[in-house]
Amino acid sequence: MATVELTTANFDEVTERDGIVLLDFWADWCGPCKRFAPVYERSSEKHPDIVFGKVDTEAQQELGAKFNISSIPTVMAIRDGVIVYAQPGALPESALENLIEQVEQLDMEDVRKKLAEHGHKH
């Protein structure tokens, strides 16, 4: 599956469902974003069970603001509607694959329990 362009219109629908959603916050003027794009695209081909979303921070400023995106590219991982990773910086392919493995292996019951302990809603 190729990458999916996310906007304020489809963002919640895509990110709140069960399973894994990766997000790439990017912009056209960002050199590191352009270099990261093919890595992200290749990874999306390897993992058809994962949604690879792209958020153009210029066109979707509201989404960038909602998640306090101050540096791009920022990669975010959401599993079962819970943000489990968010870091700025382009990842090399091996690091992106490693991140995907870690997100796949998460015990979401444990994650939700920890969030509840810290007073976060999921």
PDB file of N, CA and C in Angstrom:
ATOM      1  N   MET A   1       0.841  -1.188   0.000  1.00  0.00           N
ATOM      2  CA  MET A   1       0.000   0.000   0.000  1.00  0.00           C
ATOM      3  C   MET A   1       0.879   1.242   0.000  1.00  0.00           C
ATOM      4  N   ALA A   2       0.573   2.176  -0.830  1.00  0.00           N
ATOM      5  CA  ALA A   2       1.344   3.416  -0.888  1.00  0.00           C
ATOM      6  C   ALA A   2       0.915   4.331   0.260  1.00  0.00           C
ATOM      7  N   THR A   3       1.560   5.465   0.341  1.00  0.00           N
ATOM      8  CA  THR A   3       1.250   6.401   1.416  1.00  0.00           C
ATOM      9  C   THR A   3      -0.092   7.098   1.167  1.00  0.00           C
ATOM     10  N   VAL A   4      -0.699   7.549   2.251  1.00  0.00           N
ATOM     11  CA  VAL A   4      -2.006   8.200   2.217  1.00  0.00           C
ATOM     12  C   VAL A   4      -1.833   9.646   2.665  1.00  0.00           C
ATOM     13  N   GLU A   5      -2.345  10.578   1.887  1.00  0.00           N
ATOM     14  CA  GLU A   5      -2.296  11.997   2.264  1.00  0.00           C
ATOM     15  C   GLU A   5      -3.365  12.259   3.315  1.00  0.00           C
ATOM     16  N   LEU A   6      -2.945  12.753   4.477  1.00  0.00           N
ATOM     17  CA  LEU A   6      -3.907  13.022   5.541  1.00  0.00           C
ATOM     18  C   LEU A   6      -4.190  14.510   5.647  1.00  0.00           C
ATOM     19  N   THR A   7      -5.479  14.806   5.852  1.00  0.00           N
ATOM     20  CA  THR A   7      -5.933  16.190   6.002  1.00  0.00           C
ATOM     21  C   THR A   7      -6.820  16.248   7.248  1.00  0.00           C
ATOM     22  N   THR A   8      -7.240  17.444   7.612  1.00  0.00           N
ATOM     23  CA  THR A   8      -8.147  17.553   8.761  1.00  0.00           C
ATOM     24  C   THR A   8      -9.429  16.758   8.503  1.00  0.00           C
ATOM     25  N   ALA A   9      -9.806  16.590   7.239  1.00  0.00           N
ATOM     26  CA  ALA A   9     -11.051  15.885   6.895  1.00  0.00           C
ATOM     27  C   ALA A   9     -10.982  14.385   7.193  1.00  0.00           C
ATOM     28  N   ASN A  10      -9.841  13.730   6.935  1.00  0.00           N
ATOM     29  CA  ASN A  10      -9.778  12.272   7.112  1.00  0.00           C
ATOM     30  C   ASN A  10      -8.870  11.836   8.261  1.00  0.00           C
ATOM     31  N   PHE A  11      -8.228  12.780   8.948  1.00  0.00           N
ATOM     32  CA  PHE A  11      -7.220  12.447   9.954  1.00  0.00           C
ATOM     33  C   PHE A  11      -7.757  11.549  11.068  1.00  0.00           C
ATOM     34  N   ASP A  12      -8.842  11.978  11.722  1.00  0.00           N
ATOM     35  CA  ASP A  12      -9.372  11.207  12.852  1.00  0.00           C
ATOM     36  C   ASP A  12      -9.841   9.823  12.423  1.00  0.00           C
ATOM     37  N   GLU A  13     -10.505   9.778  11.278  1.00  0.00           N
ATOM     38  CA  GLU A  13     -11.018   8.503  10.765  1.00  0.00           C
ATOM     39  C   GLU A  13      -9.873   7.502  10.564  1.00  0.00           C
ATOM     40  N   VAL A  14      -8.749   7.968  10.032  1.00  0.00           N
ATOM     41  CA  VAL A  14      -7.609   7.096   9.748  1.00  0.00           C
ATOM     42  C   VAL A  14      -6.851   6.739  11.032  1.00  0.00           C
ATOM     43  N   THR A  15      -6.631   7.715  11.909  1.00  0.00           N
ATOM     44  CA  THR A  15      -5.753   7.483  13.063  1.00  0.00           C
ATOM     45  C   THR A  15      -6.440   6.851  14.271  1.00  0.00           C
ATOM     46  N   GLU A  16      -7.766   6.856  14.301  1.00  0.00           N
ATOM     47  CA  GLU A  16      -8.449   6.320  15.477  1.00  0.00           C
ATOM     48  C   GLU A  16      -8.844   4.856  15.338  1.00  0.00           C
ATOM     49  N   ARG A  17      -8.581   4.263  14.188  1.00  0.00           N
ATOM     50  CA  ARG A  17      -8.971   2.862  14.043  1.00  0.00           C
ATOM     51  C   ARG A  17      -7.892   1.939  14.646  1.00  0.00           C
ATOM     52  N   ASP A  18      -8.255   0.671  14.808  1.00  0.00           N
ATOM     53  CA  ASP A  18      -7.302  -0.295  15.348  1.00  0.00           C
ATOM     54  C   ASP A  18      -6.195  -0.555  14.341  1.00  0.00           C
ATOM     55  N   GLY A  19      -5.053  -0.955  14.874  1.00  0.00           N
ATOM     56  CA  GLY A  19      -3.907  -1.238  14.020  1.00  0.00           C
ATOM     57  C   GLY A  19      -2.878  -0.125  14.129  1.00  0.00           C
ATOM     58  N   ILE A  20      -1.895  -0.177  13.236  1.00  0.00           N
ATOM     59  CA  ILE A  20      -0.772   0.762  13.289  1.00  0.00           C
ATOM     60  C   ILE A  20      -0.884   1.785  12.165  1.00  0.00           C
ATOM     61  N   VAL A  21      -0.697   3.038  12.540  1.00  0.00           N
ATOM     62  CA  VAL A  21      -0.654   4.134  11.572  1.00  0.00           C
ATOM     63  C   VAL A  21       0.645   4.890  11.814  1.00  0.00           C
ATOM     64  N   LEU A  22       1.458   5.024  10.777  1.00  0.00           N
ATOM     65  CA  LEU A  22       2.654   5.855  10.858  1.00  0.00           C
ATOM     66  C   LEU A  22       2.353   7.165  10.161  1.00  0.00           C
ATOM     67  N   LEU A  23       2.875   8.253  10.712  1.00  0.00           N
ATOM     68  CA  LEU A  23       2.667   9.564  10.106  1.00  0.00           C
ATOM     69  C   LEU A  23       4.005  10.218   9.834  1.00  0.00           C
ATOM     70  N   ASP A  24       4.094  10.845   8.683  1.00  0.00           N
ATOM     71  CA  ASP A  24       5.257  11.637   8.306  1.00  0.00           C
ATOM     72  C   ASP A  24       4.781  13.069   8.137  1.00  0.00           C
ATOM     73  N   PHE A  25       5.154  13.944   9.095  1.00  0.00           N
ATOM     74  CA  PHE A  25       4.841  15.369   8.978  1.00  0.00           C
ATOM     75  C   PHE A  25       5.960  15.990   8.158  1.00  0.00           C
ATOM     76  N   TRP A  26       5.626  16.626   7.036  1.00  0.00           N
ATOM     77  CA  TRP A  26       6.631  17.111   6.090  1.00  0.00           C
ATOM     78  C   TRP A  26       6.169  18.409   5.448  1.00  0.00           C
ATOM     79  N   ALA A  27       7.049  18.999   4.649  1.00  0.00           N
ATOM     80  CA  ALA A  27       6.684  20.164   3.832  1.00  0.00           C
ATOM     81  C   ALA A  27       7.554  20.152   2.575  1.00  0.00           C
ATOM     82  N   ASP A  28       7.037  20.772   1.536  1.00  0.00           N
ATOM     83  CA  ASP A  28       7.702  20.773   0.235  1.00  0.00           C
ATOM     84  C   ASP A  28       9.071  21.459   0.257  1.00  0.00           C
ATOM     85  N   TRP A  29       9.235  22.463   1.117  1.00  0.00           N
ATOM     86  CA  TRP A  29      10.486  23.222   1.159  1.00  0.00           C
ATOM     87  C   TRP A  29      11.573  22.559   2.013  1.00  0.00           C
ATOM     88  N   CYS A  30      11.248  21.442   2.634  1.00  0.00           N
ATOM     89  CA  CYS A  30      12.142  20.803   3.607  1.00  0.00           C
ATOM     90  C   CYS A  30      13.016  19.744   2.934  1.00  0.00           C
ATOM     91  N   GLY A  31      14.317  20.031   2.818  1.00  0.00           N
ATOM     92  CA  GLY A  31      15.264  19.104   2.185  1.00  0.00           C
ATOM     93  C   GLY A  31      15.291  17.724   2.828  1.00  0.00           C
ATOM     94  N   PRO A  32      15.465  17.646   4.173  1.00  0.00           N
ATOM     95  CA  PRO A  32      15.477  16.323   4.813  1.00  0.00           C
ATOM     96  C   PRO A  32      14.174  15.552   4.591  1.00  0.00           C
ATOM     97  N   CYS A  33      13.054  16.277   4.488  1.00  0.00           N
ATOM     98  CA  CYS A  33      11.766  15.617   4.226  1.00  0.00           C
ATOM     99  C   CYS A  33      11.791  14.940   2.860  1.00  0.00           C
ATOM    100  N   LYS A  34      12.334  15.646   1.879  1.00  0.00           N
ATOM    101  CA  LYS A  34      12.383  15.096   0.513  1.00  0.00           C
ATOM    102  C   LYS A  34      13.296  13.870   0.455  1.00  0.00           C
ATOM    103  N   ARG A  35      14.384  13.893   1.233  1.00  0.00           N
ATOM    104  CA  ARG A  35      15.289  12.734   1.262  1.00  0.00           C
ATOM    105  C   ARG A  35      14.663  11.554   2.001  1.00  0.00           C
ATOM    106  N   PHE A  36      13.811  11.852   2.987  1.00  0.00           N
ATOM    107  CA  PHE A  36      13.171  10.795   3.766  1.00  0.00           C
ATOM    108  C   PHE A  36      12.008  10.148   2.999  1.00  0.00           C
ATOM    109  N   ALA A  37      11.375  10.891   2.127  1.00  0.00           N
ATOM    110  CA  ALA A  37      10.179  10.414   1.417  1.00  0.00           C
ATOM    111  C   ALA A  37      10.351   9.048   0.746  1.00  0.00           C
ATOM    112  N   PRO A  38      11.429   8.810  -0.028  1.00  0.00           N
ATOM    113  CA  PRO A  38      11.561   7.492  -0.673  1.00  0.00           C
ATOM    114  C   PRO A  38      11.765   6.353   0.337  1.00  0.00           C
ATOM    115  N   VAL A  39      12.428   6.631   1.456  1.00  0.00           N
ATOM    116  CA  VAL A  39      12.626   5.633   2.512  1.00  0.00           C
ATOM    117  C   VAL A  39      11.259   5.237   3.069  1.00  0.00           C
ATOM    118  N   TYR A  40      10.445   6.249   3.347  1.00  0.00           N
ATOM    119  CA  TYR A  40       9.103   6.052   3.903  1.00  0.00           C
ATOM    120  C   TYR A  40       8.232   5.280   2.908  1.00  0.00           C
ATOM    121  N   GLU A  41       8.334   5.651   1.649  1.00  0.00           N
ATOM    122  CA  GLU A  41       7.561   5.002   0.576  1.00  0.00           C
ATOM    123  C   GLU A  41       7.946   3.521   0.459  1.00  0.00           C
ATOM    124  N   ARG A  42       9.254   3.232   0.486  1.00  0.00           N
ATOM    125  CA  ARG A  42       9.716   1.835   0.399  1.00  0.00           C
ATOM    126  C   ARG A  42       9.188   1.028   1.581  1.00  0.00           C
ATOM    127  N   SER A  43       9.226   1.616   2.744  1.00  0.00           N
ATOM    128  CA  SER A  43       8.743   0.929   3.940  1.00  0.00           C
ATOM    129  C   SER A  43       7.252   0.638   3.814  1.00  0.00           C
ATOM    130  N   SER A  44       6.501   1.572   3.221  1.00  0.00           N
ATOM    131  CA  SER A  44       5.055   1.368   3.061  1.00  0.00           C
ATOM    132  C   SER A  44       4.780   0.167   2.152  1.00  0.00           C
ATOM    133  N   GLU A  45       5.659  -0.070   1.189  1.00  0.00           N
ATOM    134  CA  GLU A  45       5.492  -1.223   0.284  1.00  0.00           C
ATOM    135  C   GLU A  45       5.747  -2.538   1.026  1.00  0.00           C
ATOM    136  N   LYS A  46       6.650  -2.504   2.019  1.00  0.00           N
ATOM    137  CA  LYS A  46       7.013  -3.715   2.769  1.00  0.00           C
ATOM    138  C   LYS A  46       5.972  -4.080   3.820  1.00  0.00           C
ATOM    139  N   HIS A  47       5.149  -3.122   4.226  1.00  0.00           N
ATOM    140  CA  HIS A  47       4.210  -3.347   5.334  1.00  0.00           C
ATOM    141  C   HIS A  47       2.787  -2.968   4.918  1.00  0.00           C
ATOM    142  N   PRO A  48       2.152  -3.818   4.086  1.00  0.00           N
ATOM    143  CA  PRO A  48       0.810  -3.487   3.592  1.00  0.00           C
ATOM    144  C   PRO A  48      -0.246  -3.441   4.696  1.00  0.00           C
ATOM    145  N   ASP A  49       0.063  -4.018   5.861  1.00  0.00           N
ATOM    146  CA  ASP A  49      -0.897  -4.035   6.969  1.00  0.00           C
ATOM    147  C   ASP A  49      -0.870  -2.745   7.790  1.00  0.00           C
ATOM    148  N   ILE A  50       0.093  -1.861   7.501  1.00  0.00           N
ATOM    149  CA  ILE A  50       0.240  -0.607   8.240  1.00  0.00           C
ATOM    150  C   ILE A  50      -0.155   0.551   7.336  1.00  0.00           C
ATOM    151  N   VAL A  51      -0.858   1.534   7.905  1.00  0.00           N
ATOM    152  CA  VAL A  51      -1.197   2.739   7.147  1.00  0.00           C
ATOM    153  C   VAL A  51      -0.032   3.721   7.278  1.00  0.00           C
ATOM    154  N   PHE A  52       0.502   4.154   6.159  1.00  0.00           N
ATOM    155  CA  PHE A  52       1.574   5.157   6.135  1.00  0.00           C
ATOM    156  C   PHE A  52       0.957   6.476   5.676  1.00  0.00           C
ATOM    157  N   GLY A  53       0.745   7.369   6.622  1.00  0.00           N
ATOM    158  CA  GLY A  53       0.131   8.649   6.310  1.00  0.00           C
ATOM    159  C   GLY A  53       1.170   9.746   6.173  1.00  0.00           C
ATOM    160  N   LYS A  54       0.858  10.731   5.329  1.00  0.00           N
ATOM    161  CA  LYS A  54       1.726  11.900   5.173  1.00  0.00           C
ATOM    162  C   LYS A  54       0.887  13.138   5.454  1.00  0.00           C
ATOM    163  N   VAL A  55       1.453  14.042   6.265  1.00  0.00           N
ATOM    164  CA  VAL A  55       0.765  15.284   6.595  1.00  0.00           C
ATOM    165  C   VAL A  55       1.625  16.446   6.111  1.00  0.00           C
ATOM    166  N   ASP A  56       1.140  17.164   5.117  1.00  0.00           N
ATOM    167  CA  ASP A  56       1.823  18.346   4.591  1.00  0.00           C
ATOM    168  C   ASP A  56       1.569  19.487   5.579  1.00  0.00           C
ATOM    169  N   THR A  57       2.601  19.857   6.337  1.00  0.00           N
ATOM    170  CA  THR A  57       2.410  20.845   7.403  1.00  0.00           C
ATOM    171  C   THR A  57       2.103  22.237   6.861  1.00  0.00           C
ATOM    172  N   GLU A  58       2.390  22.486   5.590  1.00  0.00           N
ATOM    173  CA  GLU A  58       2.022  23.776   4.985  1.00  0.00           C
ATOM    174  C   GLU A  58       0.521  23.812   4.702  1.00  0.00           C
ATOM    175  N   ALA A  59       0.021  22.740   4.094  1.00  0.00           N
ATOM    176  CA  ALA A  59      -1.394  22.677   3.729  1.00  0.00           C
ATOM    177  C   ALA A  59      -2.277  22.367   4.944  1.00  0.00           C
ATOM    178  N   GLN A  60      -1.718  21.664   5.922  1.00  0.00           N
ATOM    179  CA  GLN A  60      -2.502  21.220   7.086  1.00  0.00           C
ATOM    180  C   GLN A  60      -1.921  21.818   8.375  1.00  0.00           C
ATOM    181  N   GLN A  61      -1.841  23.134   8.428  1.00  0.00           N
ATOM    182  CA  GLN A  61      -1.217  23.801   9.573  1.00  0.00           C
ATOM    183  C   GLN A  61      -1.933  23.482  10.888  1.00  0.00           C
ATOM    184  N   GLU A  62      -3.246  23.276  10.793  1.00  0.00           N
ATOM    185  CA  GLU A  62      -4.035  22.946  11.985  1.00  0.00           C
ATOM    186  C   GLU A  62      -3.544  21.636  12.621  1.00  0.00           C
ATOM    187  N   LEU A  63      -3.247  20.637  11.790  1.00  0.00           N
ATOM    188  CA  LEU A  63      -2.766  19.356  12.308  1.00  0.00           C
ATOM    189  C   LEU A  63      -1.370  19.502  12.901  1.00  0.00           C
ATOM    190  N   GLY A  64      -0.517  20.264  12.236  1.00  0.00           N
ATOM    191  CA  GLY A  64       0.821  20.513  12.771  1.00  0.00           C
ATOM    192  C   GLY A  64       0.745  21.168  14.135  1.00  0.00           C
ATOM    193  N   ALA A  65      -0.153  22.133  14.271  1.00  0.00           N
ATOM    194  CA  ALA A  65      -0.320  22.855  15.543  1.00  0.00           C
ATOM    195  C   ALA A  65      -0.897  21.934  16.618  1.00  0.00           C
ATOM    196  N   LYS A  66      -1.855  21.095  16.225  1.00  0.00           N
ATOM    197  CA  LYS A  66      -2.507  20.192  17.184  1.00  0.00           C
ATOM    198  C   LYS A  66      -1.486  19.292  17.889  1.00  0.00           C
ATOM    199  N   PHE A  67      -0.456  18.875  17.149  1.00  0.00           N
ATOM    200  CA  PHE A  67       0.551  17.959  17.700  1.00  0.00           C
ATOM    201  C   PHE A  67       1.868  18.670  18.028  1.00  0.00           C
ATOM    202  N   ASN A  68       1.824  20.010  18.058  1.00  0.00           N
ATOM    203  CA  ASN A  68       3.022  20.799  18.389  1.00  0.00           C
ATOM    204  C   ASN A  68       4.232  20.404  17.538  1.00  0.00           C
ATOM    205  N   ILE A  69       4.006  20.243  16.245  1.00  0.00           N
ATOM    206  CA  ILE A  69       5.098  19.890  15.346  1.00  0.00           C
ATOM    207  C   ILE A  69       5.922  21.159  15.104  1.00  0.00           C
ATOM    208  N   SER A  70       7.142  21.168  15.605  1.00  0.00           N
ATOM    209  CA  SER A  70       7.973  22.362  15.455  1.00  0.00           C
ATOM    210  C   SER A  70       9.169  22.107  14.550  1.00  0.00           C
ATOM    211  N   SER A  71       9.452  20.851  14.279  1.00  0.00           N
ATOM    212  CA  SER A  71      10.588  20.494  13.447  1.00  0.00           C
ATOM    213  C   SER A  71      10.148  19.372  12.510  1.00  0.00           C
ATOM    214  N   ILE A  72      10.505  19.494  11.248  1.00  0.00           N
ATOM    215  CA  ILE A  72      10.122  18.440  10.301  1.00  0.00           C
ATOM    216  C   ILE A  72      11.368  17.933   9.579  1.00  0.00           C
ATOM    217  N   PRO A  73      11.352  16.694   9.116  1.00  0.00           N
ATOM    218  CA  PRO A  73      10.233  15.758   9.264  1.00  0.00           C
ATOM    219  C   PRO A  73      10.070  15.305  10.720  1.00  0.00           C
ATOM    220  N   THR A  74       8.837  15.029  11.097  1.00  0.00           N
ATOM    221  CA  THR A  74       8.546  14.367  12.368  1.00  0.00           C
ATOM    222  C   THR A  74       7.816  13.079  12.029  1.00  0.00           C
ATOM    223  N   VAL A  75       8.280  11.988  12.623  1.00  0.00           N
ATOM    224  CA  VAL A  75       7.633  10.693  12.442  1.00  0.00           C
ATOM    225  C   VAL A  75       6.836  10.395  13.700  1.00  0.00           C
ATOM    226  N   MET A  76       5.586  10.005  13.500  1.00  0.00           N
ATOM    227  CA  MET A  76       4.713   9.658  14.623  1.00  0.00           C
ATOM    228  C   MET A  76       4.142   8.268  14.361  1.00  0.00           C
ATOM    229  N   ALA A  77       4.052   7.466  15.422  1.00  0.00           N
ATOM    230  CA  ALA A  77       3.436   6.138  15.309  1.00  0.00           C
ATOM    231  C   ALA A  77       2.225   6.094  16.232  1.00  0.00           C
ATOM    232  N   ILE A  78       1.117   5.619  15.683  1.00  0.00           N
ATOM    233  CA  ILE A  78      -0.125   5.490  16.437  1.00  0.00           C
ATOM    234  C   ILE A  78      -0.556   4.031  16.351  1.00  0.00           C
ATOM    235  N   ARG A  79      -0.862   3.451  17.502  1.00  0.00           N
ATOM    236  CA  ARG A  79      -1.354   2.074  17.486  1.00  0.00           C
ATOM    237  C   ARG A  79      -2.669   2.031  18.245  1.00  0.00           C
ATOM    238  N   ASP A  80      -3.685   1.490  17.611  1.00  0.00           N
ATOM    239  CA  ASP A  80      -5.022   1.385  18.210  1.00  0.00           C
ATOM    240  C   ASP A  80      -5.487   2.733  18.753  1.00  0.00           C
ATOM    241  N   GLY A  81      -5.197   3.811  18.022  1.00  0.00           N
ATOM    242  CA  GLY A  81      -5.659   5.142  18.398  1.00  0.00           C
ATOM    243  C   GLY A  81      -4.809   5.851  19.436  1.00  0.00           C
ATOM    244  N   VAL A  82      -3.690   5.231  19.869  1.00  0.00           N
ATOM    245  CA  VAL A  82      -2.825   5.826  20.891  1.00  0.00           C
ATOM    246  C   VAL A  82      -1.480   6.203  20.260  1.00  0.00           C
ATOM    247  N   ILE A  83      -1.037   7.452  20.481  1.00  0.00           N
ATOM    248  CA  ILE A  83       0.279   7.859  19.982  1.00  0.00           C
ATOM    249  C   ILE A  83       1.338   7.181  20.846  1.00  0.00           C
ATOM    250  N   VAL A  84       2.153   6.344  20.223  1.00  0.00           N
ATOM    251  CA  VAL A  84       3.168   5.598  20.971  1.00  0.00           C
ATOM    252  C   VAL A  84       4.588   6.062  20.651  1.00  0.00           C
ATOM    253  N   TYR A  85       4.730   6.944  19.661  1.00  0.00           N
ATOM    254  CA  TYR A  85       6.053   7.455  19.299  1.00  0.00           C
ATOM    255  C   TYR A  85       5.869   8.740  18.516  1.00  0.00           C
ATOM    256  N   ALA A  86       6.703   9.727  18.804  1.00  0.00           N
ATOM    257  CA  ALA A  86       6.713  10.958  18.015  1.00  0.00           C
ATOM    258  C   ALA A  86       8.070  11.626  18.210  1.00  0.00           C
ATOM    259  N   GLN A  87       8.852  11.675  17.144  1.00  0.00           N
ATOM    260  CA  GLN A  87      10.179  12.277  17.211  1.00  0.00           C
ATOM    261  C   GLN A  87      10.468  13.018  15.916  1.00  0.00           C
ATOM    262  N   PRO A  88      11.068  14.212  16.017  1.00  0.00           N
ATOM    263  CA  PRO A  88      11.502  14.882  14.797  1.00  0.00           C
ATOM    264  C   PRO A  88      12.775  14.236  14.260  1.00  0.00           C
ATOM    265  N   GLY A  89      12.978  14.385  12.965  1.00  0.00           N
ATOM    266  CA  GLY A  89      14.193  13.881  12.329  1.00  0.00           C
ATOM    267  C   GLY A  89      13.895  12.766  11.351  1.00  0.00           C
ATOM    268  N   ALA A  90      14.576  12.814  10.217  1.00  0.00           N
ATOM    269  CA  ALA A  90      14.438  11.753   9.220  1.00  0.00           C
ATOM    270  C   ALA A  90      15.129  10.508   9.746  1.00  0.00           C
ATOM    271  N   LEU A  91      14.487   9.374   9.618  1.00  0.00           N
ATOM    272  CA  LEU A  91      15.071   8.123  10.090  1.00  0.00           C
ATOM    273  C   LEU A  91      15.715   7.382   8.924  1.00  0.00           C
ATOM    274  N   PRO A  92      16.902   6.795   9.156  1.00  0.00           N
ATOM    275  CA  PRO A  92      17.427   5.890   8.133  1.00  0.00           C
ATOM    276  C   PRO A  92      16.499   4.674   8.040  1.00  0.00           C
ATOM    277  N   GLU A  93      16.559   3.996   6.915  1.00  0.00           N
ATOM    278  CA  GLU A  93      15.638   2.876   6.682  1.00  0.00           C
ATOM    279  C   GLU A  93      15.678   1.838   7.802  1.00  0.00           C
ATOM    280  N   SER A  94      16.879   1.502   8.289  1.00  0.00           N
ATOM    281  CA  SER A  94      16.996   0.490   9.351  1.00  0.00           C
ATOM    282  C   SER A  94      16.301   0.955  10.635  1.00  0.00           C
ATOM    283  N   ALA A  95      16.409   2.249  10.952  1.00  0.00           N
ATOM    284  CA  ALA A  95      15.773   2.778  12.167  1.00  0.00           C
ATOM    285  C   ALA A  95      14.253   2.786  12.017  1.00  0.00           C
ATOM    286  N   LEU A  96      13.764   3.091  10.826  1.00  0.00           N
ATOM    287  CA  LEU A  96      12.321   3.081  10.573  1.00  0.00           C
ATOM    288  C   LEU A  96      11.781   1.656  10.723  1.00  0.00           C
ATOM    289  N   GLU A  97      12.502   0.680  10.177  1.00  0.00           N
ATOM    290  CA  GLU A  97      12.090  -0.726  10.287  1.00  0.00           C
ATOM    291  C   GLU A  97      12.106  -1.167  11.758  1.00  0.00           C
ATOM    292  N   ASN A  98      13.116  -0.715  12.490  1.00  0.00           N
ATOM    293  CA  ASN A  98      13.231  -1.037  13.909  1.00  0.00           C
ATOM    294  C   ASN A  98      12.056  -0.450  14.683  1.00  0.00           C
ATOM    295  N   LEU A  99      11.696   0.787  14.376  1.00  0.00           N
ATOM    296  CA  LEU A  99      10.552   1.444  15.022  1.00  0.00           C
ATOM    297  C   LEU A  99       9.276   0.639  14.769  1.00  0.00           C
ATOM    298  N   ILE A 100       9.077   0.214  13.517  1.00  0.00           N
ATOM    299  CA  ILE A 100       7.877  -0.558  13.155  1.00  0.00           C
ATOM    300  C   ILE A 100       7.824  -1.853  13.976  1.00  0.00           C
ATOM    301  N   GLU A 101       8.968  -2.543  14.082  1.00  0.00           N
ATOM    302  CA  GLU A 101       9.022  -3.780  14.874  1.00  0.00           C
ATOM    303  C   GLU A 101       8.637  -3.511  16.328  1.00  0.00           C
ATOM    304  N   GLN A 102       9.182  -2.439  16.891  1.00  0.00           N
ATOM    305  CA  GLN A 102       8.888  -2.118  18.295  1.00  0.00           C
ATOM    306  C   GLN A 102       7.408  -1.809  18.497  1.00  0.00           C
ATOM    307  N   VAL A 103       6.818  -1.067  17.571  1.00  0.00           N
ATOM    308  CA  VAL A 103       5.397  -0.714  17.685  1.00  0.00           C
ATOM    309  C   VAL A 103       4.546  -1.981  17.550  1.00  0.00           C
ATOM    310  N   GLU A 104       4.956  -2.888  16.648  1.00  0.00           N
ATOM    311  CA  GLU A 104       4.209  -4.144  16.465  1.00  0.00           C
ATOM    312  C   GLU A 104       4.252  -5.002  17.731  1.00  0.00           C
ATOM    313  N   GLN A 105       5.345  -4.913  18.482  1.00  0.00           N
ATOM    314  CA  GLN A 105       5.515  -5.772  19.658  1.00  0.00           C
ATOM    315  C   GLN A 105       4.952  -5.174  20.945  1.00  0.00           C
ATOM    316  N   LEU A 106       4.450  -3.956  20.890  1.00  0.00           N
ATOM    317  CA  LEU A 106       3.917  -3.320  22.098  1.00  0.00           C
ATOM    318  C   LEU A 106       2.743  -4.102  22.673  1.00  0.00           C
ATOM    319  N   ASP A 107       2.687  -4.152  23.983  1.00  0.00           N
ATOM    320  CA  ASP A 107       1.539  -4.713  24.681  1.00  0.00           C
ATOM    321  C   ASP A 107       0.603  -3.539  24.953  1.00  0.00           C
ATOM    322  N   MET A 108      -0.435  -3.397  24.127  1.00  0.00           N
ATOM    323  CA  MET A 108      -1.288  -2.212  24.206  1.00  0.00           C
ATOM    324  C   MET A 108      -2.083  -2.141  25.514  1.00  0.00           C
ATOM    325  N   GLU A 109      -2.365  -3.291  26.126  1.00  0.00           N
ATOM    326  CA  GLU A 109      -3.034  -3.255  27.434  1.00  0.00           C
ATOM    327  C   GLU A 109      -2.134  -2.565  28.444  1.00  0.00           C
ATOM    328  N   ASP A 110      -0.847  -2.904  28.391  1.00  0.00           N
ATOM    329  CA  ASP A 110       0.139  -2.308  29.293  1.00  0.00           C
ATOM    330  C   ASP A 110       0.286  -0.805  29.008  1.00  0.00           C
ATOM    331  N   VAL A 111       0.316  -0.437  27.732  1.00  0.00           N
ATOM    332  CA  VAL A 111       0.433   0.973  27.346  1.00  0.00           C
ATOM    333  C   VAL A 111      -0.763   1.757  27.886  1.00  0.00           C
ATOM    334  N   ARG A 112      -1.964   1.227  27.703  1.00  0.00           N
ATOM    335  CA  ARG A 112      -3.172   1.920  28.186  1.00  0.00           C
ATOM    336  C   ARG A 112      -3.178   2.051  29.706  1.00  0.00           C
ATOM    337  N   LYS A 113      -2.690   0.986  30.383  1.00  0.00           N
ATOM    338  CA  LYS A 113      -2.634   1.009  31.843  1.00  0.00           C
ATOM    339  C   LYS A 113      -1.690   2.129  32.309  1.00  0.00           C
ATOM    340  N   LYS A 114      -0.534   2.226  31.661  1.00  0.00           N
ATOM    341  CA  LYS A 114       0.438   3.269  32.026  1.00  0.00           C
ATOM    342  C   LYS A 114      -0.123   4.667  31.745  1.00  0.00           C
ATOM    343  N   LEU A 115      -0.815   4.819  30.626  1.00  0.00           N
ATOM    344  CA  LEU A 115      -1.426   6.109  30.313  1.00  0.00           C
ATOM    345  C   LEU A 115      -2.467   6.481  31.365  1.00  0.00           C
ATOM    346  N   ALA A 116      -3.263   5.503  31.764  1.00  0.00           N
ATOM    347  CA  ALA A 116      -4.301   5.759  32.772  1.00  0.00           C
ATOM    348  C   ALA A 116      -3.674   6.177  34.100  1.00  0.00           C
ATOM    349  N   GLU A 117      -2.556   5.521  34.452  1.00  0.00           N
ATOM    350  CA  GLU A 117      -1.856   5.848  35.689  1.00  0.00           C
ATOM    351  C   GLU A 117      -1.362   7.295  35.672  1.00  0.00           C
ATOM    352  N   HIS A 118      -1.022   7.794  34.504  1.00  0.00           N
ATOM    353  CA  HIS A 118      -0.508   9.154  34.380  1.00  0.00           C
ATOM    354  C   HIS A 118      -1.615  10.159  34.055  1.00  0.00           C
ATOM    355  N   GLY A 119      -2.854   9.686  34.084  1.00  0.00           N
ATOM    356  CA  GLY A 119      -3.987  10.588  33.895  1.00  0.00           C
ATOM    357  C   GLY A 119      -4.253  11.010  32.465  1.00  0.00           C
ATOM    358  N   HIS A 120      -3.711  10.265  31.484  1.00  0.00           N
ATOM    359  CA  HIS A 120      -3.966  10.593  30.076  1.00  0.00           C
ATOM    360  C   HIS A 120      -5.193   9.832  29.606  1.00  0.00           C
ATOM    361  N   LYS A 121      -5.936  10.473  28.719  1.00  0.00           N
ATOM    362  CA  LYS A 121      -7.034   9.748  28.069  1.00  0.00           C
ATOM    363  C   LYS A 121      -6.448   9.038  26.866  1.00  0.00           C
ATOM    364  N   HIS A 122      -7.060   7.923  26.468  1.00  0.00           N
ATOM    365  CA  HIS A 122      -6.575   7.260  25.245  1.00  0.00           C
ATOM    366  C   HIS A 122      -7.558   7.389  24.131  1.00  0.00           C
TER     367      HIS A 122
END
